[in-house]
Amino acid sequence: MPSQVYDTAGGFVFQIPSGVTEVTVHCWQGGGGGSYGFQDSYGGNGGDGGGYASKTLTGLTPLTDYDVEVGNGGSSGFAGQASLFRLGGSVLVRAENGSMIGDVQYNGGGYGSGEISGFYTGGGGGGAASSSSGGMSGSSGDSGGAGGTGATGSGGDVVDGGGGAYGGSGWDGNQGYTPGGGGGGGSGSGGSYAGGAGAIGRVVIQWATPATVPDAVDDLAATPGIGSLAFAWTAPANGGSAITKYTLYLNGAEHTDNITSPHEVTGLTGGVASGPWTVTSINAIGESSLSNTVTETPNSPTSGIASFGSGGGFGNLSHGNGFN
């Protein structure tokens, strides 16, 4: 299925492709930034994971322009920006925790709390929501070790939120993973360290390729019989819609409709060339162009009259007159 992916923060214009009247839009919010750790007091909390929303939009007009906005991840201590899809001032799909628009909606995972004793480790960022599940919350900072990492949603479409800061010697929080993972909290061990930035969001737009008429047959062939021709061909590409029948043409005029391969035409004159013959393939969209042309001569019936060789003939019967 064709798609357009936007994974750079900012605004874009998406034009509905020619012949397309339905698209499915997937939006991921930017992840929240982890908060600062406070020197020798506590580690910062991780950032929230970004939310997810999607919707299938129908009845669209091809070649119409729509606006796409991809939310940036939040800096330390700030929420991630919304990602959305809109037409003019009308927002059709929006991913933003607590302010969703879409037929499918999941919130991102919550932040992991910073460690408030010991090595003051930052908490893990929340995992962004997937297309089939909300994100899971980040782990709390572990005394003496790295902050926990936000877990993925069960759909697997979104990676983890960012890891928390390492608490042993002091560390900024790690940035969340795209799309929409929360940043890790900053360490409070030996200084005040910044939380990691949230990851940029994402917008993905999918659509089905419109069906077309089938390709033309390119290998039509005819085998002569007595007063007949047997036509055969290989099915061409169907254009995305099943071929339902074929039509045979003689000299550009329809000869036989609703046929399949092979197909025999009888009642032809033996010894006389017949053609040109062509065939078309037909699906729900319409009829293909004409195939390659075929002209062939049917066989004549065999004669029932005996023949004689050149030395044959009737001998003369000689009779004596028998009279004296």
C-alpha atoms as a PDB file:
ATOM      1  CA  MET A   1       0.000   0.000   0.000  1.00  0.00           C
ATOM      2  CA  PRO A   2       1.465   3.390  -0.938  1.00  0.00           C
ATOM      3  CA  SER A   3       2.188   5.778   1.911  1.00  0.00           C
ATOM      4  CA  GLN A   4       3.719   9.118   2.774  1.00  0.00           C
ATOM      5  CA  VAL A   5       5.748   9.423   5.978  1.00  0.00           C
ATOM      6  CA  TYR A   6       6.455  12.724   7.731  1.00  0.00           C
ATOM      7  CA  ASP A   7       8.966  12.380  10.576  1.00  0.00           C
ATOM      8  CA  THR A   8      10.539  15.831  10.683  1.00  0.00           C
ATOM      9  CA  ALA A   9       8.997  18.380  13.019  1.00  0.00           C
ATOM     10  CA  GLY A  10       7.107  21.140  11.231  1.00  0.00           C
ATOM     11  CA  GLY A  11       4.318  21.834   8.763  1.00  0.00           C
ATOM     12  CA  PHE A  12       3.826  20.161   5.373  1.00  0.00           C
ATOM     13  CA  VAL A  13       1.277  19.961   2.562  1.00  0.00           C
ATOM     14  CA  PHE A  14      -0.101  16.605   1.414  1.00  0.00           C
ATOM     15  CA  GLN A  15      -2.007  16.440  -1.880  1.00  0.00           C
ATOM     16  CA  ILE A  16      -4.542  13.650  -2.323  1.00  0.00           C
ATOM     17  CA  PRO A  17      -3.210  11.558  -5.240  1.00  0.00           C
ATOM     18  CA  SER A  18      -5.049  11.409  -8.546  1.00  0.00           C
ATOM     19  CA  GLY A  19      -7.904   8.899  -8.480  1.00  0.00           C
ATOM     20  CA  VAL A  20      -7.749   8.486  -4.674  1.00  0.00           C
ATOM     21  CA  THR A  21     -10.825   9.249  -2.547  1.00  0.00           C
ATOM     22  CA  GLU A  22      -9.888   7.517   0.734  1.00  0.00           C
ATOM     23  CA  VAL A  23      -6.828   7.752   2.999  1.00  0.00           C
ATOM     24  CA  THR A  24      -5.936   6.508   6.476  1.00  0.00           C
ATOM     25  CA  VAL A  25      -3.999   8.981   8.636  1.00  0.00           C
ATOM     26  CA  HIS A  26      -1.821   7.886  11.592  1.00  0.00           C
ATOM     27  CA  CYS A  27      -0.509  10.566  13.976  1.00  0.00           C
ATOM     28  CA  TRP A  28       1.988  10.280  16.839  1.00  0.00           C
ATOM     29  CA  GLN A  29       2.486  13.152  19.244  1.00  0.00           C
ATOM     30  CA  GLY A  30       5.969  14.325  20.152  1.00  0.00           C
ATOM     31  CA  GLY A  31       7.279  12.913  23.431  1.00  0.00           C
ATOM     32  CA  GLY A  32       7.573  14.950  26.610  1.00  0.00           C
ATOM     33  CA  GLY A  33      10.972  16.089  27.873  1.00  0.00           C
ATOM     34  CA  GLY A  34      12.344  14.737  31.134  1.00  0.00           C
ATOM     35  CA  SER A  35      12.660  17.169  34.022  1.00  0.00           C
ATOM     36  CA  TYR A  36      15.823  18.468  35.662  1.00  0.00           C
ATOM     37  CA  GLY A  37      17.408  16.684  38.561  1.00  0.00           C
ATOM     38  CA  PHE A  38      18.146  18.783  41.639  1.00  0.00           C
ATOM     39  CA  GLN A  39      21.677  18.581  42.972  1.00  0.00           C
ATOM     40  CA  ASP A  40      22.048  15.928  45.649  1.00  0.00           C
ATOM     41  CA  SER A  41      18.288  16.035  46.339  1.00  0.00           C
ATOM     42  CA  TYR A  42      16.422  14.029  43.683  1.00  0.00           C
ATOM     43  CA  GLY A  43      16.552  12.824  40.126  1.00  0.00           C
ATOM     44  CA  GLY A  44      14.209  14.347  37.582  1.00  0.00           C
ATOM     45  CA  ASN A  45      11.097  12.593  36.347  1.00  0.00           C
ATOM     46  CA  GLY A  46      11.014  11.183  32.847  1.00  0.00           C
ATOM     47  CA  GLY A  47       8.806  12.725  30.162  1.00  0.00           C
ATOM     48  CA  ASP A  48       5.425  11.367  29.144  1.00  0.00           C
ATOM     49  CA  GLY A  49       5.221   9.317  25.959  1.00  0.00           C
ATOM     50  CA  GLY A  50       3.357  10.799  23.009  1.00  0.00           C
ATOM     51  CA  GLY A  51      -0.213   9.752  22.179  1.00  0.00           C
ATOM     52  CA  TYR A  52      -1.482   8.119  18.989  1.00  0.00           C
ATOM     53  CA  ALA A  53      -4.610   8.754  16.923  1.00  0.00           C
ATOM     54  CA  SER A  54      -5.764   7.542  13.516  1.00  0.00           C
ATOM     55  CA  LYS A  55      -8.747   7.815  11.221  1.00  0.00           C
ATOM     56  CA  THR A  56      -9.820   6.642   7.755  1.00  0.00           C
ATOM     57  CA  LEU A  57     -11.153   9.573   5.738  1.00  0.00           C
ATOM     58  CA  THR A  58     -13.497   8.865   2.833  1.00  0.00           C
ATOM     59  CA  GLY A  59     -15.184  10.841   0.080  1.00  0.00           C
ATOM     60  CA  LEU A  60     -12.083  12.950  -0.555  1.00  0.00           C
ATOM     61  CA  THR A  61     -11.488  14.981  -3.699  1.00  0.00           C
ATOM     62  CA  PRO A  62      -8.328  13.995  -5.600  1.00  0.00           C
ATOM     63  CA  LEU A  63      -5.595  16.649  -5.918  1.00  0.00           C
ATOM     64  CA  THR A  64      -6.903  18.563  -2.876  1.00  0.00           C
ATOM     65  CA  ASP A  65      -4.207  19.933  -0.511  1.00  0.00           C
ATOM     66  CA  TYR A  66      -4.295  19.065   3.199  1.00  0.00           C
ATOM     67  CA  ASP A  67      -2.061  20.400   5.970  1.00  0.00           C
ATOM     68  CA  VAL A  68       0.163  18.086   8.006  1.00  0.00           C
ATOM     69  CA  GLU A  69       1.818  19.107  11.268  1.00  0.00           C
ATOM     70  CA  VAL A  70       4.410  16.903  12.965  1.00  0.00           C
ATOM     71  CA  GLY A  71       4.845  17.682  16.651  1.00  0.00           C
ATOM     72  CA  ASN A  72       8.304  18.309  18.052  1.00  0.00           C
ATOM     73  CA  GLY A  73       9.466  16.582  21.197  1.00  0.00           C
ATOM     74  CA  GLY A  74       9.368  18.672  24.355  1.00  0.00           C
ATOM     75  CA  SER A  75      12.544  20.138  25.781  1.00  0.00           C
ATOM     76  CA  SER A  76      13.443  19.401  29.384  1.00  0.00           C
ATOM     77  CA  GLY A  77      10.317  19.711  31.504  1.00  0.00           C
ATOM     78  CA  PHE A  78       7.902  20.455  28.626  1.00  0.00           C
ATOM     79  CA  ALA A  79       5.220  18.325  26.963  1.00  0.00           C
ATOM     80  CA  GLY A  80       5.566  17.204  23.365  1.00  0.00           C
ATOM     81  CA  GLN A  81       3.646  18.999  20.631  1.00  0.00           C
ATOM     82  CA  ALA A  82       0.561  17.589  18.906  1.00  0.00           C
ATOM     83  CA  SER A  83       0.724  16.004  15.451  1.00  0.00           C
ATOM     84  CA  LEU A  84      -2.304  16.531  13.224  1.00  0.00           C
ATOM     85  CA  PHE A  85      -3.928  16.406   9.789  1.00  0.00           C
ATOM     86  CA  ARG A  86      -6.331  19.155   8.748  1.00  0.00           C
ATOM     87  CA  LEU A  87      -8.179  20.827   5.895  1.00  0.00           C
ATOM     88  CA  GLY A  88      -8.094  24.569   6.347  1.00  0.00           C
ATOM     89  CA  GLY A  89      -9.172  25.287   9.915  1.00  0.00           C
ATOM     90  CA  SER A  90     -10.840  21.888  10.393  1.00  0.00           C
ATOM     91  CA  VAL A  91      -8.653  19.380  12.255  1.00  0.00           C
ATOM     92  CA  LEU A  92      -9.549  15.871  11.101  1.00  0.00           C
ATOM     93  CA  VAL A  93      -6.989  13.811  13.074  1.00  0.00           C
ATOM     94  CA  ARG A  94      -4.951  14.891  16.102  1.00  0.00           C
ATOM     95  CA  ALA A  95      -2.623  13.016  18.454  1.00  0.00           C
ATOM     96  CA  GLU A  96      -2.268  14.807  21.770  1.00  0.00           C
ATOM     97  CA  ASN A  97      -2.702  13.260  25.198  1.00  0.00           C
ATOM     98  CA  GLY A  98      -6.012  14.489  26.598  1.00  0.00           C
ATOM     99  CA  SER A  99      -7.110  16.164  23.349  1.00  0.00           C
ATOM    100  CA  MET A 100      -7.372  13.396  20.755  1.00  0.00           C
ATOM    101  CA  ILE A 101      -9.287  13.411  17.470  1.00  0.00           C
ATOM    102  CA  GLY A 102      -9.603  10.103  15.630  1.00  0.00           C
ATOM    103  CA  ASP A 103     -11.459   6.828  15.436  1.00  0.00           C
ATOM    104  CA  VAL A 104      -8.555   5.082  17.205  1.00  0.00           C
ATOM    105  CA  GLN A 105      -6.964   6.816  20.203  1.00  0.00           C
ATOM    106  CA  TYR A 106      -4.262   5.741  22.669  1.00  0.00           C
ATOM    107  CA  ASN A 107      -2.434   7.810  25.260  1.00  0.00           C
ATOM    108  CA  GLY A 108       1.300   7.584  25.682  1.00  0.00           C
ATOM    109  CA  GLY A 109       2.859   6.042  28.765  1.00  0.00           C
ATOM    110  CA  GLY A 110       3.352   8.082  31.907  1.00  0.00           C
ATOM    111  CA  TYR A 111       6.728   9.233  33.184  1.00  0.00           C
ATOM    112  CA  GLY A 112       8.922   7.291  35.546  1.00  0.00           C
ATOM    113  CA  SER A 113       9.628   9.046  38.854  1.00  0.00           C
ATOM    114  CA  GLY A 114      13.138  10.194  39.687  1.00  0.00           C
ATOM    115  CA  GLU A 115      15.013   8.604  42.568  1.00  0.00           C
ATOM    116  CA  ILE A 116      14.799  10.761  45.702  1.00  0.00           C
ATOM    117  CA  SER A 117      17.528   9.124  47.743  1.00  0.00           C
ATOM    118  CA  GLY A 118      20.898   7.612  47.211  1.00  0.00           C
ATOM    119  CA  PHE A 119      22.317   8.481  43.812  1.00  0.00           C
ATOM    120  CA  TYR A 120      19.343  10.590  42.686  1.00  0.00           C
ATOM    121  CA  THR A 121      18.825   8.842  39.370  1.00  0.00           C
ATOM    122  CA  GLY A 122      16.452  10.279  36.782  1.00  0.00           C
ATOM    123  CA  GLY A 123      13.280   8.368  35.904  1.00  0.00           C
ATOM    124  CA  GLY A 124      12.667   6.718  32.564  1.00  0.00           C
ATOM    125  CA  GLY A 125      10.570   8.376  29.882  1.00  0.00           C
ATOM    126  CA  GLY A 126       7.157   6.959  29.030  1.00  0.00           C
ATOM    127  CA  GLY A 127       6.762   4.815  25.925  1.00  0.00           C
ATOM    128  CA  ALA A 128       4.765   6.345  23.098  1.00  0.00           C
ATOM    129  CA  ALA A 129       1.443   4.750  22.213  1.00  0.00           C
ATOM    130  CA  SER A 130       1.386   2.251  19.361  1.00  0.00           C
ATOM    131  CA  SER A 131      -1.304   1.794  16.746  1.00  0.00           C
ATOM    132  CA  SER A 132      -2.901  -0.919  18.888  1.00  0.00           C
ATOM    133  CA  SER A 133      -2.049  -0.059  22.478  1.00  0.00           C
ATOM    134  CA  GLY A 134      -1.298   2.756  24.858  1.00  0.00           C
ATOM    135  CA  GLY A 135       2.320   3.304  25.816  1.00  0.00           C
ATOM    136  CA  MET A 136       3.654   1.829  29.041  1.00  0.00           C
ATOM    137  CA  SER A 137       5.057   4.018  31.771  1.00  0.00           C
ATOM    138  CA  GLY A 138       8.753   4.510  32.334  1.00  0.00           C
ATOM    139  CA  SER A 139      10.466   2.904  35.282  1.00  0.00           C
ATOM    140  CA  SER A 140      11.514   4.842  38.353  1.00  0.00           C
ATOM    141  CA  GLY A 141      15.178   5.637  38.753  1.00  0.00           C
ATOM    142  CA  ASP A 142      17.167   2.829  40.349  1.00  0.00           C
ATOM    143  CA  SER A 143      19.580   3.760  43.105  1.00  0.00           C
ATOM    144  CA  GLY A 144      23.118   3.521  41.765  1.00  0.00           C
ATOM    145  CA  GLY A 145      22.121   2.637  38.215  1.00  0.00           C
ATOM    146  CA  ALA A 146      20.574   3.945  35.034  1.00  0.00           C
ATOM    147  CA  GLY A 147      17.018   5.194  35.047  1.00  0.00           C
ATOM    148  CA  GLY A 148      14.426   2.837  33.621  1.00  0.00           C
ATOM    149  CA  THR A 149      13.361   2.925  29.998  1.00  0.00           C
ATOM    150  CA  GLY A 150       9.764   3.378  28.902  1.00  0.00           C
ATOM    151  CA  ALA A 151       8.372   0.129  27.533  1.00  0.00           C
ATOM    152  CA  THR A 152       6.817  -0.267  24.102  1.00  0.00           C
ATOM    153  CA  GLY A 153       3.141  -0.651  23.515  1.00  0.00           C
ATOM    154  CA  SER A 154       2.089  -4.178  22.569  1.00  0.00           C
ATOM    155  CA  GLY A 155       1.532  -3.228  18.921  1.00  0.00           C
ATOM    156  CA  GLY A 156       5.262  -2.842  18.373  1.00  0.00           C
ATOM    157  CA  ASP A 157       4.789   0.132  16.045  1.00  0.00           C
ATOM    158  CA  VAL A 158       6.483   2.561  18.407  1.00  0.00           C
ATOM    159  CA  VAL A 159       9.824   2.185  20.133  1.00  0.00           C
ATOM    160  CA  ASP A 160      10.606   2.824  23.775  1.00  0.00           C
ATOM    161  CA  GLY A 161      10.588   6.120  25.579  1.00  0.00           C
ATOM    162  CA  GLY A 162      13.950   7.550  26.524  1.00  0.00           C
ATOM    163  CA  GLY A 163      16.071   6.105  29.282  1.00  0.00           C
ATOM    164  CA  GLY A 164      16.619   7.942  32.557  1.00  0.00           C
ATOM    165  CA  ALA A 165      19.917   9.544  33.532  1.00  0.00           C
ATOM    166  CA  TYR A 166      22.698   7.479  35.019  1.00  0.00           C
ATOM    167  CA  GLY A 167      23.039   8.329  38.690  1.00  0.00           C
ATOM    168  CA  GLY A 168      26.539   7.228  39.590  1.00  0.00           C
ATOM    169  CA  SER A 169      28.528  10.254  38.420  1.00  0.00           C
ATOM    170  CA  GLY A 170      25.849  12.597  37.120  1.00  0.00           C
ATOM    171  CA  TRP A 171      24.222  12.615  33.695  1.00  0.00           C
ATOM    172  CA  ASP A 172      21.687  14.406  31.515  1.00  0.00           C
ATOM    173  CA  GLY A 173      18.610  12.385  30.650  1.00  0.00           C
ATOM    174  CA  ASN A 174      18.618  10.487  27.376  1.00  0.00           C
ATOM    175  CA  GLN A 175      16.463  11.633  24.488  1.00  0.00           C
ATOM    176  CA  GLY A 176      13.328   9.611  23.739  1.00  0.00           C
ATOM    177  CA  TYR A 177      13.164   7.322  20.750  1.00  0.00           C
ATOM    178  CA  THR A 178      11.194   8.257  17.629  1.00  0.00           C
ATOM    179  CA  PRO A 179       8.293   8.547  17.294  1.00  0.00           C
ATOM    180  CA  GLY A 180       7.064  10.142  20.468  1.00  0.00           C
ATOM    181  CA  GLY A 181       9.107   8.519  23.211  1.00  0.00           C
ATOM    182  CA  GLY A 182       9.489  10.484  26.456  1.00  0.00           C
ATOM    183  CA  GLY A 183      12.903  11.787  27.490  1.00  0.00           C
ATOM    184  CA  GLY A 184      14.663  10.444  30.546  1.00  0.00           C
ATOM    185  CA  GLY A 185      14.901  12.456  33.743  1.00  0.00           C
ATOM    186  CA  GLY A 186      18.104  14.277  34.618  1.00  0.00           C
ATOM    187  CA  SER A 187      20.393  13.115  37.395  1.00  0.00           C
ATOM    188  CA  GLY A 188      20.668  14.967  40.679  1.00  0.00           C
ATOM    189  CA  SER A 189      23.933  13.360  41.701  1.00  0.00           C
ATOM    190  CA  GLY A 190      26.797  15.840  41.969  1.00  0.00           C
ATOM    191  CA  GLY A 191      24.920  18.560  40.099  1.00  0.00           C
ATOM    192  CA  SER A 192      21.650  19.524  38.438  1.00  0.00           C
ATOM    193  CA  TYR A 193      21.358  17.794  35.086  1.00  0.00           C
ATOM    194  CA  ALA A 194      18.824  18.420  32.332  1.00  0.00           C
ATOM    195  CA  GLY A 195      16.194  15.929  31.382  1.00  0.00           C
ATOM    196  CA  GLY A 196      16.364  14.395  27.914  1.00  0.00           C
ATOM    197  CA  ALA A 197      14.267  15.851  25.118  1.00  0.00           C
ATOM    198  CA  GLY A 198      11.187  14.018  23.957  1.00  0.00           C
ATOM    199  CA  ALA A 199      11.296  12.404  20.529  1.00  0.00           C
ATOM    200  CA  ILE A 200       9.739  14.004  17.458  1.00  0.00           C
ATOM    201  CA  GLY A 201       6.279  12.725  16.521  1.00  0.00           C
ATOM    202  CA  ARG A 202       5.272  11.292  13.165  1.00  0.00           C
ATOM    203  CA  VAL A 203       2.428  11.378  10.633  1.00  0.00           C
ATOM    204  CA  VAL A 204       1.875   8.512   8.196  1.00  0.00           C
ATOM    205  CA  ILE A 205      -0.743   8.688   5.427  1.00  0.00           C
ATOM    206  CA  GLN A 206      -1.741   5.496   3.586  1.00  0.00           C
ATOM    207  CA  TRP A 207      -3.993   4.939   0.592  1.00  0.00           C
ATOM    208  CA  ALA A 208      -4.925   2.166  -1.820  1.00  0.00           C
ATOM    209  CA  THR A 209      -3.837   2.407  -5.449  1.00  0.00           C
ATOM    210  CA  PRO A 210      -6.970   2.954  -7.575  1.00  0.00           C
ATOM    211  CA  ALA A 211      -7.899   0.004  -9.781  1.00  0.00           C
ATOM    212  CA  THR A 212      -7.596   0.443 -13.549  1.00  0.00           C
ATOM    213  CA  VAL A 213      -8.693  -1.500 -16.621  1.00  0.00           C
ATOM    214  CA  PRO A 214      -6.609  -4.636 -17.272  1.00  0.00           C
ATOM    215  CA  ASP A 215      -3.507  -4.631 -19.435  1.00  0.00           C
ATOM    216  CA  ALA A 216      -3.922  -5.721 -23.046  1.00  0.00           C
ATOM    217  CA  VAL A 217      -3.346  -9.375 -23.938  1.00  0.00           C
ATOM    218  CA  ASP A 218      -0.037  -9.602 -25.809  1.00  0.00           C
ATOM    219  CA  ASP A 219       0.204 -13.287 -26.771  1.00  0.00           C
ATOM    220  CA  LEU A 220      -3.037 -14.122 -28.606  1.00  0.00           C
ATOM    221  CA  ALA A 221      -2.485 -17.177 -30.841  1.00  0.00           C
ATOM    222  CA  ALA A 222      -4.723 -19.285 -33.121  1.00  0.00           C
ATOM    223  CA  THR A 223      -4.406 -22.968 -34.023  1.00  0.00           C
ATOM    224  CA  PRO A 224      -6.153 -24.039 -37.280  1.00  0.00           C
ATOM    225  CA  GLY A 225      -8.710 -26.838 -37.344  1.00  0.00           C
ATOM    226  CA  ILE A 226     -11.043 -28.041 -40.087  1.00  0.00           C
ATOM    227  CA  GLY A 227     -13.110 -24.949 -40.766  1.00  0.00           C
ATOM    228  CA  SER A 228     -12.193 -23.577 -37.341  1.00  0.00           C
ATOM    229  CA  LEU A 229      -9.617 -21.654 -35.295  1.00  0.00           C
ATOM    230  CA  ALA A 230      -8.789 -22.375 -31.625  1.00  0.00           C
ATOM    231  CA  PHE A 231      -7.694 -19.203 -29.827  1.00  0.00           C
ATOM    232  CA  ALA A 232      -5.607 -19.148 -26.652  1.00  0.00           C
ATOM    233  CA  TRP A 233      -3.868 -16.461 -24.558  1.00  0.00           C
ATOM    234  CA  THR A 234      -2.399 -15.753 -21.144  1.00  0.00           C
ATOM    235  CA  ALA A 235      -4.269 -13.575 -18.657  1.00  0.00           C
ATOM    236  CA  PRO A 236      -2.647 -10.111 -18.422  1.00  0.00           C
ATOM    237  CA  ALA A 237      -2.220  -7.973 -15.281  1.00  0.00           C
ATOM    238  CA  ASN A 238      -5.715  -7.240 -14.009  1.00  0.00           C
ATOM    239  CA  GLY A 239      -5.190  -3.597 -12.966  1.00  0.00           C
ATOM    240  CA  GLY A 240      -6.117  -4.328  -9.358  1.00  0.00           C
ATOM    241  CA  SER A 241      -9.595  -5.690 -10.140  1.00  0.00           C
ATOM    242  CA  ALA A 242     -10.308  -9.296 -11.160  1.00  0.00           C
ATOM    243  CA  ILE A 243     -10.819  -9.978 -14.872  1.00  0.00           C
ATOM    244  CA  THR A 244     -14.379 -11.212 -15.362  1.00  0.00           C
ATOM    245  CA  LYS A 245     -14.457 -12.002 -19.091  1.00  0.00           C
ATOM    246  CA  TYR A 246     -12.871 -11.559 -22.515  1.00  0.00           C
ATOM    247  CA  THR A 247     -14.323 -10.362 -25.836  1.00  0.00           C
ATOM    248  CA  LEU A 248     -13.161 -11.600 -29.259  1.00  0.00           C
ATOM    249  CA  TYR A 249     -13.089  -9.214 -32.212  1.00  0.00           C
ATOM    250  CA  LEU A 250     -12.861  -9.871 -35.967  1.00  0.00           C
ATOM    251  CA  ASN A 251     -11.593  -7.038 -38.117  1.00  0.00           C
ATOM    252  CA  GLY A 252     -12.322  -4.566 -35.286  1.00  0.00           C
ATOM    253  CA  ALA A 253     -15.963  -5.628 -34.769  1.00  0.00           C
ATOM    254  CA  GLU A 254     -17.184  -7.653 -31.782  1.00  0.00           C
ATOM    255  CA  HIS A 255     -17.484 -11.324 -32.701  1.00  0.00           C
ATOM    256  CA  THR A 256     -18.023 -13.189 -29.390  1.00  0.00           C
ATOM    257  CA  ASP A 257     -18.536 -11.818 -25.884  1.00  0.00           C
ATOM    258  CA  ASN A 258     -18.027 -13.390 -22.447  1.00  0.00           C
ATOM    259  CA  ILE A 259     -15.398 -15.959 -23.389  1.00  0.00           C
ATOM    260  CA  THR A 260     -12.370 -17.464 -21.689  1.00  0.00           C
ATOM    261  CA  SER A 261      -9.151 -19.021 -22.962  1.00  0.00           C
ATOM    262  CA  PRO A 262      -9.081 -21.352 -24.869  1.00  0.00           C
ATOM    263  CA  HIS A 263     -11.968 -20.540 -27.205  1.00  0.00           C
ATOM    264  CA  GLU A 264     -12.839 -22.171 -30.561  1.00  0.00           C
ATOM    265  CA  VAL A 265     -14.549 -20.441 -33.487  1.00  0.00           C
ATOM    266  CA  THR A 266     -16.186 -22.797 -35.981  1.00  0.00           C
ATOM    267  CA  GLY A 267     -17.982 -22.416 -39.294  1.00  0.00           C
ATOM    268  CA  LEU A 268     -15.038 -20.791 -41.048  1.00  0.00           C
ATOM    269  CA  THR A 269     -14.094 -21.415 -44.689  1.00  0.00           C
ATOM    270  CA  GLY A 270     -11.223 -23.822 -45.047  1.00  0.00           C
ATOM    271  CA  GLY A 271      -8.291 -22.695 -47.119  1.00  0.00           C
ATOM    272  CA  VAL A 272      -9.225 -19.005 -46.789  1.00  0.00           C
ATOM    273  CA  ALA A 273      -7.291 -16.696 -44.461  1.00  0.00           C
ATOM    274  CA  SER A 274      -9.384 -15.435 -41.531  1.00  0.00           C
ATOM    275  CA  GLY A 275      -8.613 -12.238 -39.599  1.00  0.00           C
ATOM    276  CA  PRO A 276      -7.429 -10.021 -38.227  1.00  0.00           C
ATOM    277  CA  TRP A 277      -8.586 -11.357 -34.840  1.00  0.00           C
ATOM    278  CA  THR A 278      -8.035  -9.576 -31.492  1.00  0.00           C
ATOM    279  CA  VAL A 279      -9.214 -10.035 -27.907  1.00  0.00           C
ATOM    280  CA  THR A 280      -9.835  -7.679 -24.965  1.00  0.00           C
ATOM    281  CA  SER A 281      -9.930  -8.320 -21.201  1.00  0.00           C
ATOM    282  CA  ILE A 282     -12.622  -6.788 -18.977  1.00  0.00           C
ATOM    283  CA  ASN A 283     -12.864  -6.111 -15.222  1.00  0.00           C
ATOM    284  CA  ALA A 284     -15.187  -4.031 -13.034  1.00  0.00           C
ATOM    285  CA  ILE A 285     -13.454  -0.840 -14.144  1.00  0.00           C
ATOM    286  CA  GLY A 286     -13.753  -1.408 -17.879  1.00  0.00           C
ATOM    287  CA  GLU A 287     -12.258  -2.935 -21.015  1.00  0.00           C
ATOM    288  CA  SER A 288      -8.607  -3.129 -22.005  1.00  0.00           C
ATOM    289  CA  SER A 289      -7.199  -2.032 -25.329  1.00  0.00           C
ATOM    290  CA  LEU A 290      -7.023  -4.562 -28.174  1.00  0.00           C
ATOM    291  CA  SER A 291      -4.519  -7.391 -28.066  1.00  0.00           C
ATOM    292  CA  ASN A 292      -1.985  -8.281 -30.726  1.00  0.00           C
ATOM    293  CA  THR A 293      -3.615  -9.276 -34.020  1.00  0.00           C
ATOM    294  CA  VAL A 294      -3.791 -12.791 -35.433  1.00  0.00           C
ATOM    295  CA  THR A 295      -4.643 -13.887 -38.990  1.00  0.00           C
ATOM    296  CA  GLU A 296      -4.731 -17.635 -39.708  1.00  0.00           C
ATOM    297  CA  THR A 297      -6.066 -20.007 -42.367  1.00  0.00           C
ATOM    298  CA  PRO A 298      -8.448 -22.802 -41.267  1.00  0.00           C
ATOM    299  CA  ASN A 299      -7.879 -26.245 -42.752  1.00  0.00           C
ATOM    300  CA  SER A 300     -10.060 -27.592 -45.598  1.00  0.00           C
ATOM    301  CA  PRO A 301     -11.975 -30.849 -45.266  1.00  0.00           C
ATOM    302  CA  THR A 302     -10.242 -33.838 -46.913  1.00  0.00           C
ATOM    303  CA  SER A 303     -11.784 -34.989 -50.263  1.00  0.00           C
ATOM    304  CA  GLY A 304     -13.512 -38.409 -50.575  1.00  0.00           C
ATOM    305  CA  ILE A 305     -12.641 -38.837 -54.316  1.00  0.00           C
ATOM    306  CA  ALA A 306      -9.990 -41.419 -55.148  1.00  0.00           C
ATOM    307  CA  SER A 307      -7.040 -40.340 -57.234  1.00  0.00           C
ATOM    308  CA  PHE A 308      -5.021 -42.267 -59.687  1.00  0.00           C
ATOM    309  CA  GLY A 309      -1.364 -42.148 -60.417  1.00  0.00           C
ATOM    310  CA  SER A 310      -0.040 -40.927 -63.776  1.00  0.00           C
ATOM    311  CA  GLY A 311       0.458 -44.476 -65.005  1.00  0.00           C
ATOM    312  CA  GLY A 312      -3.150 -45.339 -64.278  1.00  0.00           C
ATOM    313  CA  GLY A 313      -5.958 -45.317 -66.760  1.00  0.00           C
ATOM    314  CA  PHE A 314      -8.292 -47.652 -68.367  1.00  0.00           C
ATOM    315  CA  GLY A 315      -6.828 -50.179 -70.805  1.00  0.00           C
ATOM    316  CA  ASN A 316      -8.394 -50.714 -74.152  1.00  0.00           C
ATOM    317  CA  LEU A 317     -10.317 -53.958 -74.365  1.00  0.00           C
ATOM    318  CA  SER A 318      -9.718 -55.538 -77.735  1.00  0.00           C
ATOM    319  CA  HIS A 319     -12.174 -58.054 -79.051  1.00  0.00           C
ATOM    320  CA  GLY A 320     -11.879 -60.143 -82.149  1.00  0.00           C
ATOM    321  CA  ASN A 321     -14.793 -59.771 -84.451  1.00  0.00           C
ATOM    322  CA  GLY A 322     -15.331 -63.495 -84.261  1.00  0.00           C
ATOM    323  CA  PHE A 323     -16.615 -63.538 -87.775  1.00  0.00           C
ATOM    324  CA  ASN A 324     -15.096 -65.269 -90.647  1.00  0.00           C
END
